[in-house]
């Protein structure tokens, strides 16, 4: 067993370094007088009408935030409230988003132990100051790869390859943490070890196990046993 095979820990942002997505979505929906189901239904209808998920397009910089709002608003129930006057989608979204300080401190400890840290996030150009206000990204991460600046997003394998290029490491030397299985699968296929984030305590325990050398090369931690 090669106990030193992992050199870099790569982390997702939303749902890992923040509170869960559903909490943010529910807070956002309530601020507009809607339910989370209303928002998700409208997004699905917008994707069907325009041939692409508007959030996915926003996260690669293909459309501005205003287009996302217009597409979703057009699919909301008749008489549904619009966004509150003077507030952007991003401002309302981040009003319900908090940073995961405990996990950030755990990562900081890994950095102090000599592991290189990187962030791989699907994010939005207009939200740059908002998301950076929730976590100390520049302090924590040596490399930040953001879909909004790359024009490609997880789970497209290309964004993982760009991450590896910037780290200058083979996939086998990296461990990737994400809350979505669909985002972990491409990383695993490239050869990265992976941990599925379900909650902070579970993720920290599994990361500690892998980095202690308990996981054999090729095993996907947090995946099927």
Protein backbone atom coordinates (compact mmCIF):
# COMPACT_ATOMS: atom_id res chain seq x y z
CA UNK A 1 0.00 0.00 0.00
CA UNK A 2 1.32 3.41 -0.98
CA UNK A 3 0.51 5.53 2.07
CA UNK A 4 1.64 8.72 0.36
CA UNK A 5 -0.28 8.39 -2.88
CA UNK A 6 -2.68 11.29 -2.12
CA UNK A 7 -1.03 14.70 -2.42
CA UNK A 8 -4.02 16.97 -3.07
CA UNK A 9 -7.54 17.22 -1.67
CA UNK A 10 -10.01 18.79 -4.10
CA UNK A 11 -13.29 20.12 -2.74
CA UNK A 12 -16.64 21.16 -4.17
CA UNK A 13 -18.25 24.41 -2.99
CA UNK A 14 -22.07 24.32 -2.81
CA UNK A 15 -23.41 21.69 -0.42
CA UNK A 16 -19.93 20.91 0.91
CA UNK A 17 -18.42 24.21 2.00
CA UNK A 18 -21.94 25.56 2.49
CA UNK A 19 -25.18 24.47 4.07
CA UNK A 20 -27.21 21.94 2.01
CA UNK A 21 -28.68 23.06 -1.31
CA UNK A 22 -32.24 22.31 -0.20
CA UNK A 23 -31.95 24.79 2.69
CA UNK A 24 -30.79 27.53 0.32
CA UNK A 25 -33.50 26.68 -2.20
CA UNK A 26 -36.28 26.71 0.39
CA UNK A 27 -35.12 30.05 1.81
CA UNK A 28 -34.93 31.53 -1.68
CA UNK A 29 -38.38 30.26 -2.66
CA UNK A 30 -39.97 31.62 0.51
CA UNK A 31 -38.48 35.06 -0.15
CA UNK A 32 -40.38 35.12 -3.47
CA UNK A 33 -43.60 33.74 -2.00
CA UNK A 34 -43.08 30.35 -3.65
CA UNK A 35 -42.19 26.78 -2.71
CA UNK A 36 -39.05 24.87 -3.62
CA UNK A 37 -41.24 22.65 -5.82
CA UNK A 38 -42.48 25.74 -7.71
CA UNK A 39 -38.89 26.75 -8.49
CA UNK A 40 -37.77 23.27 -9.53
CA UNK A 41 -40.84 22.78 -11.73
CA UNK A 42 -40.28 26.14 -13.42
CA UNK A 43 -36.61 25.35 -14.02
CA UNK A 44 -37.52 22.00 -15.56
CA UNK A 45 -40.11 23.65 -17.80
CA UNK A 46 -37.61 26.32 -18.86
CA UNK A 47 -35.07 23.64 -19.73
CA UNK A 48 -37.65 21.80 -21.83
CA UNK A 49 -38.77 24.98 -23.61
CA UNK A 50 -35.25 26.28 -24.40
CA UNK A 51 -33.49 22.95 -24.86
CA UNK A 52 -31.00 23.46 -22.02
CA UNK A 53 -31.00 23.81 -18.25
CA UNK A 54 -30.81 27.56 -17.61
CA UNK A 55 -28.79 27.07 -14.42
CA UNK A 56 -26.26 24.97 -16.32
CA UNK A 57 -25.98 27.72 -18.93
CA UNK A 58 -25.54 30.34 -16.22
CA UNK A 59 -22.78 28.27 -14.62
CA UNK A 60 -20.70 28.28 -17.80
CA UNK A 61 -21.25 31.97 -18.48
CA UNK A 62 -23.40 31.25 -21.55
CA UNK A 63 -26.28 33.43 -20.30
CA UNK A 64 -26.41 36.28 -17.76
CA UNK A 65 -28.34 36.05 -14.50
CA UNK A 66 -31.12 38.24 -15.96
CA UNK A 67 -31.85 35.60 -18.61
CA UNK A 68 -32.10 32.89 -15.96
CA UNK A 69 -34.63 34.98 -14.04
CA UNK A 70 -36.65 35.68 -17.18
CA UNK A 71 -36.75 32.02 -18.22
CA UNK A 72 -37.80 30.79 -14.78
CA UNK A 73 -40.31 33.60 -14.21
CA UNK A 74 -42.05 32.78 -17.48
CA UNK A 75 -42.77 29.25 -16.21
CA UNK A 76 -44.06 30.14 -12.73
CA UNK A 77 -47.73 29.68 -11.84
CA UNK A 78 -50.02 32.51 -12.93
CA UNK A 79 -50.12 35.20 -10.27
CA UNK A 80 -46.88 34.03 -8.61
CA UNK A 81 -44.86 36.75 -6.95
CA UNK A 82 -41.80 38.11 -8.72
CA UNK A 83 -38.46 38.63 -7.02
CA UNK A 84 -38.62 41.36 -4.39
CA UNK A 85 -37.94 44.83 -5.78
CA UNK A 86 -34.30 45.83 -5.83
CA UNK A 87 -32.89 42.37 -5.08
CA UNK A 88 -31.05 40.18 -7.57
CA UNK A 89 -31.45 36.42 -7.83
CA UNK A 90 -27.94 35.96 -6.44
CA UNK A 91 -28.52 38.25 -3.47
CA UNK A 92 -31.67 36.35 -2.52
CA UNK A 93 -29.94 33.00 -3.08
CA UNK A 94 -27.03 33.85 -0.84
CA UNK A 95 -29.30 35.25 1.87
CA UNK A 96 -30.03 31.58 2.56
CA UNK A 97 -26.48 30.30 2.07
CA UNK A 98 -23.99 29.99 4.90
CA UNK A 99 -20.41 28.77 4.89
CA UNK A 100 -19.46 25.44 6.48
CA UNK A 101 -16.85 26.81 8.88
CA UNK A 102 -16.22 23.42 10.50
CA UNK A 103 -15.31 21.75 7.22
CA UNK A 104 -13.23 24.74 6.14
CA UNK A 105 -11.21 24.44 9.34
CA UNK A 106 -10.78 20.71 8.73
CA UNK A 107 -9.37 21.50 5.28
CA UNK A 108 -7.10 24.11 6.80
CA UNK A 109 -5.72 21.40 9.08
CA UNK A 110 -5.05 19.17 6.07
CA UNK A 111 -3.17 22.02 4.46
CA UNK A 112 -1.08 22.40 7.60
CA UNK A 113 -0.30 18.67 7.37
CA UNK A 114 1.15 19.19 3.90
CA UNK A 115 -1.75 18.34 1.61
CA UNK A 116 -2.34 20.65 -1.33
CA UNK A 117 -5.88 22.02 -1.46
CA UNK A 118 -7.97 22.92 -4.52
CA UNK A 119 -11.54 24.02 -5.18
CA UNK A 120 -13.56 22.71 -8.14
CA UNK A 121 -16.90 24.52 -8.37
CA UNK A 122 -19.84 25.01 -10.69
CA UNK A 123 -20.54 28.68 -10.07
CA UNK A 124 -21.78 31.95 -11.56
CA UNK A 125 -19.88 35.01 -12.79
CA UNK A 126 -22.23 37.49 -11.10
CA UNK A 127 -21.98 35.59 -7.82
CA UNK A 128 -18.19 35.84 -7.43
CA UNK A 129 -18.22 38.32 -4.50
CA UNK A 130 -21.20 36.53 -2.92
CA UNK A 131 -19.72 33.05 -2.77
CA UNK A 132 -16.27 34.29 -1.83
CA UNK A 133 -17.82 36.08 1.16
CA UNK A 134 -18.91 32.72 2.61
CA UNK A 135 -15.51 30.98 2.69
CA UNK A 136 -11.82 32.03 2.81
CA UNK A 137 -11.16 30.68 -0.69
CA UNK A 138 -7.91 32.52 -1.41
CA UNK A 139 -6.55 31.61 2.00
CA UNK A 140 -7.48 27.93 1.76
CA UNK A 141 -6.96 26.91 -1.84
CA UNK A 142 -3.86 26.83 -4.00
CA UNK A 143 -5.97 26.30 -7.12
CA UNK A 144 -9.56 27.40 -7.82
CA UNK A 145 -11.27 26.06 -10.96
CA UNK A 146 -14.63 27.73 -11.49
CA UNK A 147 -17.01 26.64 -14.27
CA UNK A 148 -18.10 30.23 -14.87
CA UNK A 149 -14.55 31.12 -15.95
CA UNK A 150 -13.89 27.85 -17.77
CA UNK A 151 -16.98 27.63 -19.98
CA UNK A 152 -17.39 24.00 -18.92
CA UNK A 153 -18.88 22.49 -15.76
CA UNK A 154 -19.01 19.29 -13.75
CA UNK A 155 -19.63 16.52 -14.66
CA UNK A 156 -17.90 17.17 -18.00
CA UNK A 157 -14.53 15.37 -17.74
CA UNK A 158 -12.79 18.37 -19.34
CA UNK A 159 -13.07 20.49 -16.19
CA UNK A 160 -11.43 17.74 -14.13
CA UNK A 161 -8.59 17.51 -16.62
CA UNK A 162 -8.04 21.27 -16.38
CA UNK A 163 -7.89 20.96 -12.60
CA UNK A 164 -5.26 18.23 -12.82
CA UNK A 165 -3.22 20.25 -15.31
CA UNK A 166 -3.15 23.24 -12.96
CA UNK A 167 -2.18 21.09 -10.03
CA UNK A 168 0.46 19.34 -12.15
CA UNK A 169 -0.57 16.01 -10.66
CA UNK A 170 -1.87 12.71 -12.01
CA UNK A 171 -5.42 11.84 -11.01
CA UNK A 172 -4.15 9.04 -8.76
CA UNK A 173 -2.55 11.62 -6.47
CA UNK A 174 -5.82 13.48 -5.84
CA UNK A 175 -8.91 12.96 -3.72
CA UNK A 176 -12.15 14.69 -4.68
CA UNK A 177 -15.03 15.57 -2.33
CA UNK A 178 -18.48 16.42 -3.70
CA UNK A 179 -22.07 16.04 -2.51
CA UNK A 180 -23.35 14.78 -5.89
CA UNK A 181 -22.64 11.28 -7.14
CA UNK A 182 -22.87 12.49 -10.74
CA UNK A 183 -19.90 14.77 -10.10
CA UNK A 184 -17.85 12.06 -8.41
CA UNK A 185 -18.18 9.52 -11.22
CA UNK A 186 -15.98 11.33 -13.81
CA UNK A 187 -13.33 11.95 -11.16
CA UNK A 188 -13.27 8.27 -10.28
CA UNK A 189 -13.06 7.25 -13.94
CA UNK A 190 -10.01 9.49 -14.32
CA UNK A 191 -8.40 7.72 -11.35
CA UNK A 192 -9.09 10.09 -8.46
CA UNK A 193 -10.13 8.78 -5.07
CA UNK A 194 -13.53 10.19 -4.10
CA UNK A 195 -15.59 10.87 -1.01
CA UNK A 196 -19.32 11.57 -1.20
CA UNK A 197 -20.18 14.42 1.18
CA UNK A 198 -23.40 13.65 3.08
CA UNK A 199 -22.68 15.60 6.23
CA UNK A 200 -19.64 17.21 7.82
CA UNK A 201 -18.88 14.53 10.42
CA UNK A 202 -19.18 11.68 7.91
CA UNK A 203 -17.03 13.43 5.29
CA UNK A 204 -14.28 14.32 7.76
CA UNK A 205 -14.21 10.74 9.05
CA UNK A 206 -13.97 9.23 5.55
CA UNK A 207 -11.33 11.71 4.44
CA UNK A 208 -9.29 10.97 7.54
CA UNK A 209 -9.54 7.24 6.81
CA UNK A 210 -8.43 7.59 3.20
CA UNK A 211 -5.56 9.92 3.99
CA UNK A 212 -4.37 7.68 6.80
CA UNK A 213 -3.81 5.00 4.18
CA UNK A 214 -6.70 2.75 5.17
CA UNK A 215 -8.18 2.91 1.67
CA UNK A 216 -6.32 0.88 -0.91
CA UNK A 217 -5.46 2.47 -4.26
CA UNK A 218 -8.43 2.29 -6.60
CA UNK A 219 -11.06 2.19 -3.88
CA UNK A 220 -13.72 4.88 -4.11
CA UNK A 221 -14.42 5.93 -0.55
CA UNK A 222 -18.06 6.65 0.15
CA UNK A 223 -19.11 4.68 -2.93
CA UNK A 224 -20.59 1.18 -3.21
CA UNK A 225 -18.99 -1.35 -0.89
